[in-house]
C-alpha cells in the first residue's frame, strides 16, 4: 500500500497561495491547485494572519434574514445573499425564535407501512 506524504510548499508557493486566496480562491480550490490538504492551506494562511473561518451573520442582519425566510426564501437563497452557509442561517434563525418550515426537496418523508393483509383488503376512508 502506498501512503501519501505531505507535500512541502516552497516560500514562493505559499506567497502564490496567499495571493490566490486574497483574489477569491477558496481553501478547497487552493488545496487541489497546490496538491495539499485543506488543513495545510489553512495553516499557511493562518501563519500569514488570514482567518479562513466562514463569516457569521451579523446580529443586525438576523431580522432581515428572518423576514426573508418568512416571505418564503429558502435557507440556501438567504445564505447566498449574505455569503454564509445554510447551516449558519438556520442556526441564527432558530436562535431568534423563527420556526423552521418542513424540509422540501431534501430527503423524502418516510413511507407509511402497509401490512400484506391491508394491501389485499383496504379499509374505506
N, C-alpha and C. Protein backbone atom coordinates (compact mmCIF):
# COMPACT_ATOMS: atom_id res chain seq x y z
N UNK A 1 0.86 -1.18 0.00
CA UNK A 1 0.00 0.00 0.00
C UNK A 1 0.90 1.23 0.00
N UNK A 2 0.54 2.19 -0.82
CA UNK A 2 1.33 3.41 -0.92
C UNK A 2 0.66 4.51 -0.10
N UNK A 3 1.44 5.16 0.75
CA UNK A 3 0.91 6.24 1.57
C UNK A 3 1.29 7.59 0.96
N UNK A 4 0.37 8.52 1.05
CA UNK A 4 0.63 9.87 0.55
C UNK A 4 1.39 10.64 1.62
N UNK A 5 2.48 11.23 1.23
CA UNK A 5 3.24 12.06 2.17
C UNK A 5 2.86 13.52 1.97
N UNK A 6 2.98 14.28 3.02
CA UNK A 6 2.64 15.69 2.95
C UNK A 6 3.62 16.40 2.02
N UNK A 7 3.08 17.17 1.12
CA UNK A 7 3.91 17.93 0.18
C UNK A 7 4.28 19.25 0.84
N UNK A 8 5.54 19.57 0.83
CA UNK A 8 6.01 20.83 1.40
C UNK A 8 5.93 21.93 0.34
N UNK A 9 5.35 23.05 0.69
CA UNK A 9 5.30 24.18 -0.24
C UNK A 9 6.53 25.05 -0.03
N UNK A 10 7.10 25.47 -1.14
CA UNK A 10 8.22 26.41 -1.07
C UNK A 10 7.68 27.79 -0.69
N UNK A 11 8.49 28.66 -0.11
CA UNK A 11 8.03 30.00 0.28
C UNK A 11 7.35 30.75 -0.87
N UNK A 12 7.85 30.62 -2.08
CA UNK A 12 7.24 31.31 -3.23
C UNK A 12 5.84 30.75 -3.50
N UNK A 13 5.65 29.44 -3.28
CA UNK A 13 4.33 28.83 -3.48
C UNK A 13 3.36 29.31 -2.40
N UNK A 14 3.84 29.47 -1.18
CA UNK A 14 2.99 29.98 -0.11
C UNK A 14 2.55 31.41 -0.45
N UNK A 15 3.47 32.20 -0.97
CA UNK A 15 3.11 33.57 -1.40
C UNK A 15 2.02 33.52 -2.47
N UNK A 16 2.18 32.61 -3.42
CA UNK A 16 1.20 32.46 -4.51
C UNK A 16 -0.15 32.00 -3.95
N UNK A 17 -0.12 31.08 -2.99
CA UNK A 17 -1.34 30.58 -2.35
C UNK A 17 -2.07 31.72 -1.65
N UNK A 18 -1.33 32.52 -0.89
CA UNK A 18 -1.92 33.66 -0.17
C UNK A 18 -2.53 34.66 -1.16
N UNK A 19 -1.82 34.97 -2.22
CA UNK A 19 -2.33 35.91 -3.22
C UNK A 19 -3.61 35.38 -3.86
N UNK A 20 -3.62 34.08 -4.17
CA UNK A 20 -4.81 33.47 -4.79
C UNK A 20 -5.99 33.52 -3.83
N UNK A 21 -5.76 33.27 -2.54
CA UNK A 21 -6.83 33.34 -1.54
C UNK A 21 -7.39 34.76 -1.47
N UNK A 22 -6.50 35.72 -1.44
CA UNK A 22 -6.94 37.13 -1.37
C UNK A 22 -7.67 37.55 -2.64
N UNK A 23 -7.38 36.86 -3.76
CA UNK A 23 -8.06 37.16 -5.02
C UNK A 23 -9.39 36.42 -5.16
N UNK A 24 -9.76 35.61 -4.14
CA UNK A 24 -11.08 34.99 -4.16
C UNK A 24 -11.12 33.48 -4.23
N UNK A 25 -9.98 32.81 -4.38
CA UNK A 25 -9.99 31.35 -4.39
C UNK A 25 -10.32 30.86 -2.97
N UNK A 26 -11.05 29.74 -2.89
CA UNK A 26 -11.35 29.22 -1.56
C UNK A 26 -10.34 28.14 -1.18
N UNK A 27 -10.39 27.71 0.07
CA UNK A 27 -9.42 26.76 0.60
C UNK A 27 -9.44 25.45 -0.18
N UNK A 28 -10.63 24.97 -0.51
CA UNK A 28 -10.73 23.70 -1.25
C UNK A 28 -10.08 23.82 -2.62
N UNK A 29 -10.30 24.92 -3.32
CA UNK A 29 -9.69 25.13 -4.63
C UNK A 29 -8.16 25.19 -4.52
N UNK A 30 -7.69 25.88 -3.50
CA UNK A 30 -6.25 26.01 -3.32
C UNK A 30 -5.60 24.67 -2.98
N UNK A 31 -6.28 23.88 -2.17
CA UNK A 31 -5.74 22.55 -1.82
C UNK A 31 -5.58 21.71 -3.08
N UNK A 32 -6.58 21.75 -3.95
CA UNK A 32 -6.50 20.99 -5.21
C UNK A 32 -5.39 21.55 -6.10
N UNK A 33 -5.32 22.86 -6.21
CA UNK A 33 -4.33 23.51 -7.08
C UNK A 33 -2.89 23.20 -6.65
N UNK A 34 -2.64 23.21 -5.34
CA UNK A 34 -1.28 23.03 -4.84
C UNK A 34 -0.97 21.59 -4.42
N UNK A 35 -1.99 20.71 -4.51
CA UNK A 35 -1.77 19.31 -4.18
C UNK A 35 -1.50 19.06 -2.71
N UNK A 36 -2.18 19.81 -1.85
CA UNK A 36 -2.03 19.66 -0.41
C UNK A 36 -3.40 19.51 0.23
N UNK A 37 -3.43 19.18 1.52
CA UNK A 37 -4.69 19.08 2.24
C UNK A 37 -5.24 20.47 2.55
N UNK A 38 -6.56 20.54 2.73
CA UNK A 38 -7.20 21.82 3.09
C UNK A 38 -6.62 22.35 4.40
N UNK A 39 -6.35 21.45 5.34
CA UNK A 39 -5.79 21.90 6.62
C UNK A 39 -4.41 22.54 6.42
N UNK A 40 -3.66 22.04 5.44
CA UNK A 40 -2.34 22.63 5.15
C UNK A 40 -2.51 24.05 4.61
N UNK A 41 -3.48 24.23 3.73
CA UNK A 41 -3.76 25.57 3.20
C UNK A 41 -4.14 26.49 4.36
N UNK A 42 -5.02 26.02 5.24
CA UNK A 42 -5.45 26.81 6.38
C UNK A 42 -4.29 27.20 7.28
N UNK A 43 -3.37 26.27 7.50
CA UNK A 43 -2.21 26.57 8.36
C UNK A 43 -1.31 27.63 7.72
N UNK A 44 -1.09 27.51 6.40
CA UNK A 44 -0.26 28.52 5.73
C UNK A 44 -0.92 29.90 5.79
N UNK A 45 -2.23 29.94 5.58
CA UNK A 45 -2.94 31.22 5.64
C UNK A 45 -2.92 31.78 7.06
N UNK A 46 -3.09 30.90 8.05
CA UNK A 46 -3.09 31.35 9.45
C UNK A 46 -1.73 31.94 9.84
N UNK A 47 -0.64 31.35 9.33
CA UNK A 47 0.68 31.90 9.66
C UNK A 47 0.88 33.28 9.07
N UNK A 48 0.07 33.60 8.06
CA UNK A 48 0.13 34.94 7.45
C UNK A 48 -0.94 35.86 8.03
N UNK A 49 -1.62 35.40 9.09
CA UNK A 49 -2.61 36.23 9.76
C UNK A 49 -3.96 36.28 9.06
N UNK A 50 -4.23 35.30 8.22
CA UNK A 50 -5.51 35.27 7.49
C UNK A 50 -6.44 34.27 8.15
N UNK A 51 -7.62 34.74 8.55
CA UNK A 51 -8.63 33.90 9.18
C UNK A 51 -9.52 33.31 8.09
N UNK A 52 -9.58 31.98 8.02
CA UNK A 52 -10.39 31.33 6.98
C UNK A 52 -11.75 30.87 7.52
N UNK A 53 -12.04 31.21 8.76
CA UNK A 53 -13.33 30.83 9.34
C UNK A 53 -14.45 31.51 8.54
N UNK A 54 -15.50 30.74 8.20
CA UNK A 54 -16.59 31.35 7.43
C UNK A 54 -17.21 32.53 8.19
N UNK A 55 -17.64 33.53 7.46
CA UNK A 55 -18.25 34.69 8.13
C UNK A 55 -19.57 34.31 8.80
N UNK A 56 -19.85 34.99 9.87
CA UNK A 56 -21.11 34.78 10.58
C UNK A 56 -22.14 35.79 10.10
N UNK A 57 -23.37 35.58 10.47
CA UNK A 57 -24.43 36.53 10.15
C UNK A 57 -24.44 37.59 11.25
N UNK A 58 -24.12 38.85 10.92
CA UNK A 58 -24.11 39.90 11.94
C UNK A 58 -25.49 40.04 12.59
N UNK A 59 -25.52 40.33 13.90
CA UNK A 59 -26.80 40.44 14.61
C UNK A 59 -27.80 41.38 13.93
N UNK A 60 -27.32 42.47 13.32
CA UNK A 60 -28.23 43.41 12.66
C UNK A 60 -28.91 42.81 11.44
N UNK A 61 -28.31 41.75 10.86
CA UNK A 61 -28.88 41.13 9.67
C UNK A 61 -29.86 39.99 9.98
N UNK A 62 -29.90 39.53 11.24
CA UNK A 62 -30.77 38.42 11.60
C UNK A 62 -32.25 38.76 11.35
N UNK A 63 -32.75 39.95 11.74
CA UNK A 63 -34.15 40.27 11.45
C UNK A 63 -34.45 40.30 9.95
N UNK A 64 -33.49 40.76 9.16
CA UNK A 64 -33.67 40.79 7.70
C UNK A 64 -33.77 39.36 7.18
N UNK A 65 -32.86 38.50 7.63
CA UNK A 65 -32.87 37.10 7.21
C UNK A 65 -34.18 36.43 7.64
N UNK A 66 -34.65 36.73 8.85
CA UNK A 66 -35.91 36.16 9.34
C UNK A 66 -37.08 36.61 8.47
N UNK A 67 -37.10 37.87 8.11
CA UNK A 67 -38.18 38.38 7.24
C UNK A 67 -38.16 37.69 5.89
N UNK A 68 -36.97 37.52 5.32
CA UNK A 68 -36.86 36.85 4.02
C UNK A 68 -37.34 35.40 4.12
N UNK A 69 -36.98 34.73 5.20
CA UNK A 69 -37.40 33.35 5.40
C UNK A 69 -38.92 33.27 5.51
N UNK A 70 -39.49 34.21 6.26
CA UNK A 70 -40.95 34.23 6.42
C UNK A 70 -41.68 34.59 5.13
N UNK A 71 -40.96 35.26 4.21
CA UNK A 71 -41.53 35.56 2.89
C UNK A 71 -41.43 34.37 1.93
N UNK A 72 -40.79 33.30 2.40
CA UNK A 72 -40.70 32.09 1.59
C UNK A 72 -39.32 31.80 1.00
N UNK A 73 -38.33 32.65 1.29
CA UNK A 73 -36.98 32.38 0.79
C UNK A 73 -36.45 31.11 1.44
N UNK A 74 -35.67 30.34 0.69
CA UNK A 74 -35.05 29.13 1.24
C UNK A 74 -33.82 29.53 2.06
N UNK A 75 -33.39 28.62 2.92
CA UNK A 75 -32.17 28.86 3.69
C UNK A 75 -30.98 29.06 2.76
N UNK A 76 -30.93 28.28 1.67
CA UNK A 76 -29.84 28.40 0.70
C UNK A 76 -29.81 29.75 0.02
N UNK A 77 -30.99 30.24 -0.33
CA UNK A 77 -31.06 31.55 -1.00
C UNK A 77 -30.62 32.67 -0.06
N UNK A 78 -31.05 32.58 1.19
CA UNK A 78 -30.65 33.58 2.18
C UNK A 78 -29.14 33.50 2.40
N UNK A 79 -28.62 32.28 2.49
CA UNK A 79 -27.18 32.08 2.69
C UNK A 79 -26.38 32.72 1.56
N UNK A 80 -26.81 32.53 0.32
CA UNK A 80 -26.11 33.13 -0.82
C UNK A 80 -26.16 34.65 -0.75
N UNK A 81 -27.29 35.20 -0.34
CA UNK A 81 -27.41 36.66 -0.24
C UNK A 81 -26.40 37.25 0.74
N UNK A 82 -26.20 36.55 1.87
CA UNK A 82 -25.30 37.06 2.91
C UNK A 82 -23.88 36.49 2.82
N UNK A 83 -23.64 35.56 1.89
CA UNK A 83 -22.32 34.98 1.74
C UNK A 83 -21.91 34.07 2.89
N UNK A 84 -22.88 33.33 3.41
CA UNK A 84 -22.62 32.42 4.53
C UNK A 84 -23.21 31.06 4.20
N UNK A 85 -23.09 30.10 5.12
CA UNK A 85 -23.61 28.75 4.88
C UNK A 85 -25.08 28.66 5.27
N UNK A 86 -25.76 27.66 4.69
CA UNK A 86 -27.16 27.38 5.03
C UNK A 86 -27.29 27.09 6.53
N UNK A 87 -26.32 26.32 7.07
CA UNK A 87 -26.39 25.96 8.48
C UNK A 87 -26.26 27.17 9.39
N UNK A 88 -25.46 28.15 8.98
CA UNK A 88 -25.33 29.38 9.77
C UNK A 88 -26.66 30.12 9.79
N UNK A 89 -27.30 30.23 8.64
CA UNK A 89 -28.61 30.90 8.57
C UNK A 89 -29.59 30.18 9.48
N UNK A 90 -29.65 28.86 9.35
CA UNK A 90 -30.60 28.07 10.15
C UNK A 90 -30.34 28.29 11.65
N UNK A 91 -29.09 28.22 12.06
CA UNK A 91 -28.75 28.40 13.48
C UNK A 91 -29.16 29.76 13.99
N UNK A 92 -28.85 30.82 13.23
CA UNK A 92 -29.19 32.18 13.68
C UNK A 92 -30.71 32.37 13.74
N UNK A 93 -31.44 31.80 12.77
CA UNK A 93 -32.90 31.94 12.77
C UNK A 93 -33.52 31.19 13.95
N UNK A 94 -33.02 29.99 14.23
CA UNK A 94 -33.53 29.24 15.38
C UNK A 94 -33.25 29.99 16.68
N UNK A 95 -32.05 30.56 16.80
CA UNK A 95 -31.70 31.34 17.99
C UNK A 95 -32.64 32.54 18.16
N UNK A 96 -33.12 33.08 17.03
CA UNK A 96 -34.02 34.23 17.06
C UNK A 96 -35.48 33.82 17.26
N UNK A 97 -35.72 32.50 17.39
CA UNK A 97 -37.07 32.03 17.64
C UNK A 97 -37.91 31.80 16.40
N UNK A 98 -37.28 31.78 15.24
CA UNK A 98 -38.02 31.54 13.99
C UNK A 98 -38.29 30.04 13.88
N UNK A 99 -39.54 29.69 13.58
CA UNK A 99 -39.91 28.30 13.41
C UNK A 99 -39.58 27.86 11.98
N UNK A 100 -38.88 26.76 11.86
CA UNK A 100 -38.49 26.26 10.55
C UNK A 100 -39.67 25.60 9.85
N UNK A 101 -39.75 25.82 8.54
CA UNK A 101 -40.75 25.15 7.72
C UNK A 101 -40.35 23.70 7.55
N UNK A 102 -41.31 22.82 7.18
CA UNK A 102 -40.93 21.44 6.87
C UNK A 102 -39.95 21.44 5.70
N UNK A 103 -39.02 20.51 5.74
CA UNK A 103 -38.00 20.42 4.69
C UNK A 103 -38.64 20.00 3.37
N UNK A 104 -38.24 20.68 2.30
CA UNK A 104 -38.71 20.33 0.96
C UNK A 104 -37.49 20.10 0.08
N UNK A 105 -37.60 19.16 -0.83
CA UNK A 105 -36.52 18.93 -1.77
C UNK A 105 -35.35 18.17 -1.19
N UNK A 106 -35.40 17.84 0.07
CA UNK A 106 -34.32 17.08 0.69
C UNK A 106 -34.66 15.61 0.69
N UNK A 107 -34.51 15.00 1.83
CA UNK A 107 -34.85 13.58 1.95
C UNK A 107 -36.36 13.41 1.93
N UNK A 108 -36.80 12.33 1.32
CA UNK A 108 -38.24 12.05 1.24
C UNK A 108 -38.75 11.67 2.62
N UNK A 109 -40.01 11.99 2.85
CA UNK A 109 -40.65 11.59 4.10
C UNK A 109 -40.78 10.08 4.12
N UNK A 110 -40.73 9.47 5.31
CA UNK A 110 -40.85 8.02 5.37
C UNK A 110 -42.20 7.57 4.84
N UNK A 111 -42.18 6.45 4.14
CA UNK A 111 -43.42 5.90 3.59
C UNK A 111 -44.20 5.22 4.69
N UNK A 112 -45.55 5.22 4.54
CA UNK A 112 -46.38 4.52 5.50
C UNK A 112 -46.17 3.03 5.32
N UNK A 113 -46.19 2.30 6.40
CA UNK A 113 -46.05 0.86 6.33
C UNK A 113 -47.43 0.26 6.15
N UNK A 114 -47.56 -0.62 5.18
CA UNK A 114 -48.82 -1.29 4.91
C UNK A 114 -48.58 -2.78 5.05
N UNK A 115 -49.40 -3.43 5.86
CA UNK A 115 -49.25 -4.87 6.02
C UNK A 115 -49.79 -5.56 4.78
N UNK A 116 -49.35 -6.79 4.50
CA UNK A 116 -49.87 -7.51 3.33
C UNK A 116 -51.39 -7.69 3.39
N UNK A 117 -51.93 -7.87 4.59
CA UNK A 117 -53.38 -8.04 4.72
C UNK A 117 -54.11 -6.75 4.33
N UNK A 118 -53.58 -5.58 4.77
CA UNK A 118 -54.19 -4.29 4.42
C UNK A 118 -54.09 -4.02 2.93
N UNK A 119 -53.02 -4.50 2.31
CA UNK A 119 -52.85 -4.28 0.87
C UNK A 119 -53.91 -5.03 0.08
N UNK A 120 -54.29 -6.21 0.57
CA UNK A 120 -55.29 -7.02 -0.15
C UNK A 120 -56.72 -6.66 0.24
N UNK A 121 -56.90 -6.07 1.41
CA UNK A 121 -58.25 -5.70 1.88
C UNK A 121 -58.21 -4.29 2.45
N UNK A 122 -58.10 -3.27 1.55
CA UNK A 122 -58.02 -1.89 2.05
C UNK A 122 -59.28 -1.51 2.80
N UNK A 123 -59.10 -0.73 3.84
CA UNK A 123 -60.24 -0.23 4.61
C UNK A 123 -60.73 1.06 3.99
N UNK A 124 -62.03 1.29 3.92
CA UNK A 124 -62.54 2.53 3.35
C UNK A 124 -62.23 3.72 4.25
N UNK A 125 -62.05 4.89 3.63
CA UNK A 125 -61.72 6.10 4.38
C UNK A 125 -62.94 6.84 4.75
